[in-house]
Amino acid sequence: MGKGTMNKLIKYNHYIANFTKKSERTVYRRLKLNTEPSQKRGRKLKIVDDILEKLCDYVDNDNTTSLIEMSDYLLKETGQRFSQSTIFRALKRKDSDSLSAVDECGFKLGAVPRYARADKSKRAVVKRPTREKERVDTKFFYDFFEGINFPNNGKNYLLLDNAGIHYGNKKRIKVLKLPTIEEQAEKKNTELVYLVSYAPELNPVEKCFAFIKHYYRKARPQTFAELKRVVEEAIEKLQQKDLRK
């Protein structure tokens, strides 16, 4: 069927829709696709940064738009047809890269499992050393925040709880002579997003901590060097898992 004939059919898509019991939008899209020049087969097109920026602006203007509508829009803007799966993956990467989460947890040397066995009617007693070293304070968190390299060059969002060290502006300014956390975040083009009080389960980092601590309790490190090795091993194993499940 020639292109001219197909264009005439598009004008009468209302009648075709009634005859085929399909929506006018579906009929139009099917006919329109047949008038587009066919692309050579090969590797799927990738969405580069400038095209992704156009796509995000389009979605921001209408967040109800479908993947096929996004594909049509990019075809109109770039002359290239991107598959729906390619668009979906690009948007997914964009969303995940712009949001980071942070929290703190502690480790003690000589850790033991949470559960132990004992004779019936007797309490299970486990001896462990009570050795503590340094704690996370305002200066420590400032240095940590300075060392973060966010994966997204655009706007970033940092999710964190309401711990005092995540504010600490009074001590930062008067005692440590440091900028406020808001000023520090602004330099990194980052917006701070504080969780509601007493809701640590809303922070995805908690799942990571649970996995690492389970591994650490089984290993029972007795020295700082052992502790460092165990935590690094746990993180390596963690990166091989899908924590969304």
C-alpha atoms as a PDB file:
ATOM      1  CA  MET A   1       0.000   0.000   0.000  1.00  0.00           C
ATOM      2  CA  GLY A   2       1.416   3.368  -1.025  1.00  0.00           C
ATOM      3  CA  LYS A   3       2.057   6.255   1.341  1.00  0.00           C
ATOM      4  CA  GLY A   4      -0.590   8.410  -0.362  1.00  0.00           C
ATOM      5  CA  THR A   5      -3.254   5.765   0.114  1.00  0.00           C
ATOM      6  CA  MET A   6      -2.244   5.309   3.745  1.00  0.00           C
ATOM      7  CA  ASN A   7      -2.508   9.056   4.406  1.00  0.00           C
ATOM      8  CA  LYS A   8      -6.049   9.028   2.981  1.00  0.00           C
ATOM      9  CA  LEU A   9      -6.967   6.184   5.306  1.00  0.00           C
ATOM     10  CA  ILE A  10      -5.686   8.205   8.272  1.00  0.00           C
ATOM     11  CA  LYS A  11      -8.209  10.933   7.422  1.00  0.00           C
ATOM     12  CA  TYR A  12     -11.012   8.377   7.710  1.00  0.00           C
ATOM     13  CA  ASN A  13      -9.776   6.660  10.862  1.00  0.00           C
ATOM     14  CA  HIS A  14     -13.108   7.455  12.564  1.00  0.00           C
ATOM     15  CA  TYR A  15     -14.978   5.123  10.200  1.00  0.00           C
ATOM     16  CA  ILE A  16     -12.267   2.480  10.379  1.00  0.00           C
ATOM     17  CA  ALA A  17     -12.436   2.579  14.190  1.00  0.00           C
ATOM     18  CA  ASN A  18     -16.204   2.007  14.148  1.00  0.00           C
ATOM     19  CA  PHE A  19     -15.829  -0.887  11.716  1.00  0.00           C
ATOM     20  CA  THR A  20     -12.976  -2.605  13.593  1.00  0.00           C
ATOM     21  CA  LYS A  21     -14.364  -1.835  17.082  1.00  0.00           C
ATOM     22  CA  LYS A  22     -11.084  -0.153  18.016  1.00  0.00           C
ATOM     23  CA  SER A  23     -10.460   3.320  19.420  1.00  0.00           C
ATOM     24  CA  GLU A  24      -9.658   6.108  16.965  1.00  0.00           C
ATOM     25  CA  ARG A  25      -6.348   6.622  18.733  1.00  0.00           C
ATOM     26  CA  THR A  26      -5.344   2.963  18.213  1.00  0.00           C
ATOM     27  CA  VAL A  27      -6.293   3.024  14.537  1.00  0.00           C
ATOM     28  CA  TYR A  28      -4.436   6.286  13.958  1.00  0.00           C
ATOM     29  CA  ARG A  29      -1.300   4.967  15.639  1.00  0.00           C
ATOM     30  CA  ARG A  30      -1.334   1.738  13.612  1.00  0.00           C
ATOM     31  CA  LEU A  31      -1.783   3.606  10.332  1.00  0.00           C
ATOM     32  CA  LYS A  32       0.779   6.241  11.256  1.00  0.00           C
ATOM     33  CA  LEU A  33       3.427   3.627  12.023  1.00  0.00           C
ATOM     34  CA  ASN A  34       3.006   2.181   8.538  1.00  0.00           C
ATOM     35  CA  THR A  35       3.769   5.559   6.920  1.00  0.00           C
ATOM     36  CA  GLU A  36       7.069   5.990   8.772  1.00  0.00           C
ATOM     37  CA  PRO A  37      10.278   5.105   6.929  1.00  0.00           C
ATOM     38  CA  SER A  38      11.553   1.728   8.084  1.00  0.00           C
ATOM     39  CA  GLN A  39      14.791   1.736  10.055  1.00  0.00           C
ATOM     40  CA  LYS A  40      17.605  -0.694   9.425  1.00  0.00           C
ATOM     41  CA  ARG A  41      17.798  -3.493  11.923  1.00  0.00           C
ATOM     42  CA  GLY A  42      20.679  -3.510  14.329  1.00  0.00           C
ATOM     43  CA  ARG A  43      21.488  -2.517  17.886  1.00  0.00           C
ATOM     44  CA  LYS A  44      18.781  -0.654  19.764  1.00  0.00           C
ATOM     45  CA  LEU A  45      19.169   3.107  19.923  1.00  0.00           C
ATOM     46  CA  LYS A  46      20.408   4.538  23.212  1.00  0.00           C
ATOM     47  CA  ILE A  47      18.960   7.647  24.820  1.00  0.00           C
ATOM     48  CA  VAL A  48      21.803  10.111  25.398  1.00  0.00           C
ATOM     49  CA  ASP A  49      21.718  12.894  27.995  1.00  0.00           C
ATOM     50  CA  ASP A  50      20.299  15.692  25.808  1.00  0.00           C
ATOM     51  CA  ILE A  51      17.472  13.463  24.525  1.00  0.00           C
ATOM     52  CA  LEU A  52      16.768  12.254  28.074  1.00  0.00           C
ATOM     53  CA  GLU A  53      16.482  15.875  29.197  1.00  0.00           C
ATOM     54  CA  LYS A  54      13.896  16.544  26.456  1.00  0.00           C
ATOM     55  CA  LEU A  55      11.991  13.433  27.488  1.00  0.00           C
ATOM     56  CA  CYS A  56      11.980  14.393  31.182  1.00  0.00           C
ATOM     57  CA  ASP A  57      10.661  17.877  30.346  1.00  0.00           C
ATOM     58  CA  TYR A  58       7.903  16.275  28.278  1.00  0.00           C
ATOM     59  CA  VAL A  59       6.934  13.941  31.141  1.00  0.00           C
ATOM     60  CA  ASP A  60       7.037  16.807  33.669  1.00  0.00           C
ATOM     61  CA  ASN A  61       4.490  18.697  31.571  1.00  0.00           C
ATOM     62  CA  ASP A  62       2.155  15.674  31.477  1.00  0.00           C
ATOM     63  CA  ASN A  63       2.897  12.912  33.969  1.00  0.00           C
ATOM     64  CA  THR A  64       0.019  10.768  32.611  1.00  0.00           C
ATOM     65  CA  THR A  65       1.678  10.273  29.228  1.00  0.00           C
ATOM     66  CA  SER A  66       2.189   6.679  28.062  1.00  0.00           C
ATOM     67  CA  LEU A  67       5.378   5.052  26.803  1.00  0.00           C
ATOM     68  CA  ILE A  68       4.070   4.922  23.216  1.00  0.00           C
ATOM     69  CA  GLU A  69       3.287   8.647  23.405  1.00  0.00           C
ATOM     70  CA  MET A  70       6.824   9.278  24.629  1.00  0.00           C
ATOM     71  CA  SER A  71       8.136   7.236  21.710  1.00  0.00           C
ATOM     72  CA  ASP A  72       6.008   9.285  19.283  1.00  0.00           C
ATOM     73  CA  TYR A  73       7.259  12.519  20.856  1.00  0.00           C
ATOM     74  CA  LEU A  74      10.924  11.537  20.533  1.00  0.00           C
ATOM     75  CA  LEU A  75      10.340  10.493  16.925  1.00  0.00           C
ATOM     76  CA  LYS A  76       8.927  13.935  16.208  1.00  0.00           C
ATOM     77  CA  GLU A  77      11.759  15.731  18.039  1.00  0.00           C
ATOM     78  CA  THR A  78      14.742  13.624  16.950  1.00  0.00           C
ATOM     79  CA  GLY A  79      13.616  11.694  13.881  1.00  0.00           C
ATOM     80  CA  GLN A  80      14.477   8.437  15.668  1.00  0.00           C
ATOM     81  CA  ARG A  81      12.089   5.784  16.945  1.00  0.00           C
ATOM     82  CA  PHE A  82      13.029   4.598  20.449  1.00  0.00           C
ATOM     83  CA  SER A  83      11.435   1.409  21.766  1.00  0.00           C
ATOM     84  CA  GLN A  84       9.197   1.524  24.832  1.00  0.00           C
ATOM     85  CA  SER A  85      11.604  -0.719  26.761  1.00  0.00           C
ATOM     86  CA  THR A  86      14.500   1.662  26.003  1.00  0.00           C
ATOM     87  CA  ILE A  87      12.469   4.640  27.240  1.00  0.00           C
ATOM     88  CA  PHE A  88      11.401   2.772  30.385  1.00  0.00           C
ATOM     89  CA  ARG A  89      14.991   1.836  31.289  1.00  0.00           C
ATOM     90  CA  ALA A  90      16.234   5.383  30.656  1.00  0.00           C
ATOM     91  CA  LEU A  91      13.591   6.897  32.948  1.00  0.00           C
ATOM     92  CA  LYS A  92      14.257   4.262  35.593  1.00  0.00           C
ATOM     93  CA  ARG A  93      17.983   5.052  35.603  1.00  0.00           C
ATOM     94  CA  LYS A  94      17.245   8.765  35.752  1.00  0.00           C
ATOM     95  CA  ASP A  95      14.958   8.377  38.786  1.00  0.00           C
ATOM     96  CA  SER A  96      17.298   6.134  40.736  1.00  0.00           C
ATOM     97  CA  ASP A  97      20.388   8.262  40.073  1.00  0.00           C
ATOM     98  CA  SER A  98      18.800  11.435  41.456  1.00  0.00           C
ATOM     99  CA  LEU A  99      17.905   9.989  44.876  1.00  0.00           C
ATOM    100  CA  SER A 100      20.422   8.867  47.502  1.00  0.00           C
ATOM    101  CA  ALA A 101      19.890   7.842  51.116  1.00  0.00           C
ATOM    102  CA  VAL A 102      22.183   8.032  54.141  1.00  0.00           C
ATOM    103  CA  ASP A 103      22.114   6.762  57.724  1.00  0.00           C
ATOM    104  CA  GLU A 104      24.553   5.590  60.391  1.00  0.00           C
ATOM    105  CA  CYS A 105      25.022   2.349  62.294  1.00  0.00           C
ATOM    106  CA  GLY A 106      27.576   1.085  64.810  1.00  0.00           C
ATOM    107  CA  PHE A 107      29.697  -2.054  65.161  1.00  0.00           C
ATOM    108  CA  LYS A 108      31.351  -3.538  68.243  1.00  0.00           C
ATOM    109  CA  LEU A 109      34.255  -5.938  68.340  1.00  0.00           C
ATOM    110  CA  GLY A 110      33.471  -9.403  69.652  1.00  0.00           C
ATOM    111  CA  ALA A 111      29.896  -9.397  68.399  1.00  0.00           C
ATOM    112  CA  VAL A 112      27.738 -12.465  69.035  1.00  0.00           C
ATOM    113  CA  PRO A 113      24.560 -13.743  67.365  1.00  0.00           C
ATOM    114  CA  ARG A 114      21.237 -12.499  68.719  1.00  0.00           C
ATOM    115  CA  TYR A 115      20.135 -16.011  69.698  1.00  0.00           C
ATOM    116  CA  ALA A 116      21.786 -18.760  71.803  1.00  0.00           C
ATOM    117  CA  ARG A 117      20.798 -22.115  73.304  1.00  0.00           C
ATOM    118  CA  ALA A 118      20.467 -23.177  76.930  1.00  0.00           C
ATOM    119  CA  ASP A 119      18.887 -25.951  78.997  1.00  0.00           C
ATOM    120  CA  LYS A 120      15.175 -25.650  79.554  1.00  0.00           C
ATOM    121  CA  SER A 121      14.247 -23.121  82.284  1.00  0.00           C
ATOM    122  CA  LYS A 122      17.777 -21.648  82.200  1.00  0.00           C
ATOM    123  CA  ARG A 123      18.849 -18.325  80.763  1.00  0.00           C
ATOM    124  CA  ALA A 124      21.311 -18.368  77.860  1.00  0.00           C
ATOM    125  CA  VAL A 125      24.393 -16.365  78.903  1.00  0.00           C
ATOM    126  CA  VAL A 126      27.045 -15.262  76.411  1.00  0.00           C
ATOM    127  CA  LYS A 127      30.110 -13.260  77.438  1.00  0.00           C
ATOM    128  CA  ARG A 128      31.415 -10.584  75.137  1.00  0.00           C
ATOM    129  CA  PRO A 129      33.875  -7.685  75.522  1.00  0.00           C
ATOM    130  CA  THR A 130      32.483  -4.169  75.856  1.00  0.00           C
ATOM    131  CA  ARG A 131      34.948  -2.257  73.735  1.00  0.00           C
ATOM    132  CA  GLU A 132      33.898   0.939  72.020  1.00  0.00           C
ATOM    133  CA  LYS A 133      36.014   3.264  69.968  1.00  0.00           C
ATOM    134  CA  GLU A 134      34.843   6.422  68.221  1.00  0.00           C
ATOM    135  CA  ARG A 135      31.324   7.651  67.571  1.00  0.00           C
ATOM    136  CA  VAL A 136      29.840   9.511  64.646  1.00  0.00           C
ATOM    137  CA  ASP A 137      29.605  13.225  65.450  1.00  0.00           C
ATOM    138  CA  THR A 138      28.909  16.473  63.589  1.00  0.00           C
ATOM    139  CA  LYS A 139      32.472  16.834  62.251  1.00  0.00           C
ATOM    140  CA  PHE A 140      32.530  13.206  61.113  1.00  0.00           C
ATOM    141  CA  PHE A 141      29.274  13.657  59.189  1.00  0.00           C
ATOM    142  CA  TYR A 142      30.527  16.914  57.652  1.00  0.00           C
ATOM    143  CA  ASP A 143      33.645  15.154  56.319  1.00  0.00           C
ATOM    144  CA  PHE A 144      31.550  12.224  55.087  1.00  0.00           C
ATOM    145  CA  PHE A 145      29.129  14.526  53.235  1.00  0.00           C
ATOM    146  CA  GLU A 146      32.046  16.378  51.654  1.00  0.00           C
ATOM    147  CA  GLY A 147      33.371  13.101  50.283  1.00  0.00           C
ATOM    148  CA  ILE A 148      30.123  12.035  48.578  1.00  0.00           C
ATOM    149  CA  ASN A 149      30.256  12.052  44.784  1.00  0.00           C
ATOM    150  CA  PHE A 150      26.663  11.934  43.604  1.00  0.00           C
ATOM    151  CA  PRO A 151      26.067   9.864  40.437  1.00  0.00           C
ATOM    152  CA  ASN A 152      23.823  12.488  38.859  1.00  0.00           C
ATOM    153  CA  ASN A 153      25.270  15.758  37.512  1.00  0.00           C
ATOM    154  CA  GLY A 154      21.873  17.451  37.756  1.00  0.00           C
ATOM    155  CA  LYS A 155      19.651  17.952  40.802  1.00  0.00           C
ATOM    156  CA  ASN A 156      20.137  15.418  43.604  1.00  0.00           C
ATOM    157  CA  TYR A 157      17.984  14.504  46.580  1.00  0.00           C
ATOM    158  CA  LEU A 158      19.444  13.133  49.813  1.00  0.00           C
ATOM    159  CA  LEU A 159      17.159  11.150  52.119  1.00  0.00           C
ATOM    160  CA  LEU A 160      18.119  11.229  55.812  1.00  0.00           C
ATOM    161  CA  ASP A 161      16.569  11.020  59.278  1.00  0.00           C
ATOM    162  CA  ASN A 162      16.267  13.646  62.005  1.00  0.00           C
ATOM    163  CA  ALA A 163      19.414  12.743  63.968  1.00  0.00           C
ATOM    164  CA  GLY A 164      21.129  15.721  65.582  1.00  0.00           C
ATOM    165  CA  ILE A 165      24.268  15.366  63.466  1.00  0.00           C
ATOM    166  CA  HIS A 166      22.124  15.814  60.346  1.00  0.00           C
ATOM    167  CA  TYR A 167      21.288  19.309  61.582  1.00  0.00           C
ATOM    168  CA  GLY A 168      23.909  20.427  64.068  1.00  0.00           C
ATOM    169  CA  ASN A 169      24.126  23.931  62.598  1.00  0.00           C
ATOM    170  CA  LYS A 170      24.679  25.614  65.970  1.00  0.00           C
ATOM    171  CA  LYS A 171      27.762  23.495  66.676  1.00  0.00           C
ATOM    172  CA  ARG A 172      28.885  23.730  63.060  1.00  0.00           C
ATOM    173  CA  ILE A 173      28.901  27.533  63.062  1.00  0.00           C
ATOM    174  CA  LYS A 174      29.964  28.459  66.613  1.00  0.00           C
ATOM    175  CA  VAL A 175      32.299  25.617  67.591  1.00  0.00           C
ATOM    176  CA  LEU A 176      33.636  24.027  64.410  1.00  0.00           C
ATOM    177  CA  LYS A 177      33.473  27.157  62.212  1.00  0.00           C
ATOM    178  CA  LEU A 178      31.919  25.119  59.403  1.00  0.00           C
ATOM    179  CA  PRO A 179      29.129  26.005  56.950  1.00  0.00           C
ATOM    180  CA  THR A 180      25.590  24.843  57.710  1.00  0.00           C
ATOM    181  CA  ILE A 181      24.419  21.547  56.261  1.00  0.00           C
ATOM    182  CA  GLU A 182      22.067  23.480  53.949  1.00  0.00           C
ATOM    183  CA  GLU A 183      25.009  25.483  52.576  1.00  0.00           C
ATOM    184  CA  GLN A 184      27.026  22.303  52.177  1.00  0.00           C
ATOM    185  CA  ALA A 185      24.137  20.649  50.305  1.00  0.00           C
ATOM    186  CA  GLU A 186      23.609  23.686  48.069  1.00  0.00           C
ATOM    187  CA  LYS A 187      27.236  23.499  46.898  1.00  0.00           C
ATOM    188  CA  LYS A 188      26.533  19.934  45.759  1.00  0.00           C
ATOM    189  CA  ASN A 189      23.246  20.902  44.065  1.00  0.00           C
ATOM    190  CA  THR A 190      21.458  18.659  46.552  1.00  0.00           C
ATOM    191  CA  GLU A 191      18.120  19.018  48.300  1.00  0.00           C
ATOM    192  CA  LEU A 192      17.866  17.489  51.788  1.00  0.00           C
ATOM    193  CA  VAL A 193      14.745  15.367  52.347  1.00  0.00           C
ATOM    194  CA  TYR A 194      14.154  14.574  56.039  1.00  0.00           C
ATOM    195  CA  LEU A 195      12.094  11.534  57.039  1.00  0.00           C
ATOM    196  CA  VAL A 196       9.249  11.822  59.517  1.00  0.00           C
ATOM    197  CA  SER A 197      10.202  11.074  63.127  1.00  0.00           C
ATOM    198  CA  TYR A 198      10.370   7.470  64.382  1.00  0.00           C
ATOM    199  CA  ALA A 199      10.072   5.916  60.921  1.00  0.00           C
ATOM    200  CA  PRO A 200      13.490   4.369  60.140  1.00  0.00           C
ATOM    201  CA  GLU A 201      11.825   1.692  57.989  1.00  0.00           C
ATOM    202  CA  LEU A 202      11.191   4.380  55.357  1.00  0.00           C
ATOM    203  CA  ASN A 203      14.922   4.641  54.725  1.00  0.00           C
ATOM    204  CA  PRO A 204      16.079   1.983  52.198  1.00  0.00           C
ATOM    205  CA  VAL A 205      19.536   1.985  53.826  1.00  0.00           C
ATOM    206  CA  GLU A 206      18.052   0.018  56.745  1.00  0.00           C
ATOM    207  CA  LYS A 207      17.786  -3.076  54.519  1.00  0.00           C
ATOM    208  CA  CYS A 208      21.478  -2.800  53.742  1.00  0.00           C
ATOM    209  CA  PHE A 209      22.374  -2.437  57.419  1.00  0.00           C
ATOM    210  CA  ALA A 210      20.284  -5.506  58.324  1.00  0.00           C
ATOM    211  CA  PHE A 211      22.146  -7.642  55.771  1.00  0.00           C
ATOM    212  CA  ILE A 212      25.604  -6.366  56.781  1.00  0.00           C
ATOM    213  CA  LYS A 213      24.968  -6.799  60.526  1.00  0.00           C
ATOM    214  CA  HIS A 214      23.686 -10.343  60.050  1.00  0.00           C
ATOM    215  CA  TYR A 215      26.916 -11.210  58.224  1.00  0.00           C
ATOM    216  CA  TYR A 216      29.009  -9.395  60.855  1.00  0.00           C
ATOM    217  CA  ARG A 217      27.408 -11.220  63.812  1.00  0.00           C
ATOM    218  CA  LYS A 218      28.133 -14.589  62.228  1.00  0.00           C
ATOM    219  CA  ALA A 219      31.781 -13.672  61.574  1.00  0.00           C
ATOM    220  CA  ARG A 220      32.379 -12.291  65.121  1.00  0.00           C
ATOM    221  CA  PRO A 221      35.406 -10.076  64.313  1.00  0.00           C
ATOM    222  CA  GLN A 222      37.746  -9.567  67.293  1.00  0.00           C
ATOM    223  CA  THR A 223      40.034  -6.848  65.920  1.00  0.00           C
ATOM    224  CA  PHE A 224      39.491  -3.675  63.920  1.00  0.00           C
ATOM    225  CA  ALA A 225      41.280  -5.201  60.908  1.00  0.00           C
ATOM    226  CA  GLU A 226      38.941  -8.220  61.022  1.00  0.00           C
ATOM    227  CA  LEU A 227      35.922  -5.940  61.362  1.00  0.00           C
ATOM    228  CA  LYS A 228      36.977  -3.915  58.322  1.00  0.00           C
ATOM    229  CA  ARG A 229      37.453  -7.081  56.263  1.00  0.00           C
ATOM    230  CA  VAL A 230      34.087  -8.534  57.333  1.00  0.00           C
ATOM    231  CA  VAL A 231      32.169  -5.356  56.503  1.00  0.00           C
ATOM    232  CA  GLU A 232      33.866  -5.109  53.094  1.00  0.00           C
ATOM    233  CA  GLU A 233      32.970  -8.746  52.368  1.00  0.00           C
ATOM    234  CA  ALA A 234      29.359  -8.121  53.401  1.00  0.00           C
ATOM    235  CA  ILE A 235      29.111  -5.070  51.130  1.00  0.00           C
ATOM    236  CA  GLU A 236      30.544  -7.065  48.220  1.00  0.00           C
ATOM    237  CA  LYS A 237      27.923  -9.790  48.727  1.00  0.00           C
ATOM    238  CA  LEU A 238      25.219  -7.165  49.187  1.00  0.00           C
ATOM    239  CA  GLN A 239      25.959  -5.656  45.784  1.00  0.00           C
ATOM    240  CA  GLN A 240      25.148  -9.007  44.187  1.00  0.00           C
ATOM    241  CA  LYS A 241      21.627  -9.055  45.651  1.00  0.00           C
ATOM    242  CA  ASP A 242      18.371  -7.390  44.621  1.00  0.00           C
ATOM    243  CA  LEU A 243      17.095  -5.720  47.805  1.00  0.00           C
ATOM    244  CA  ARG A 244      13.823  -4.706  46.157  1.00  0.00           C
ATOM    245  CA  LYS A 245      12.513  -8.251  46.767  1.00  0.00           C
END
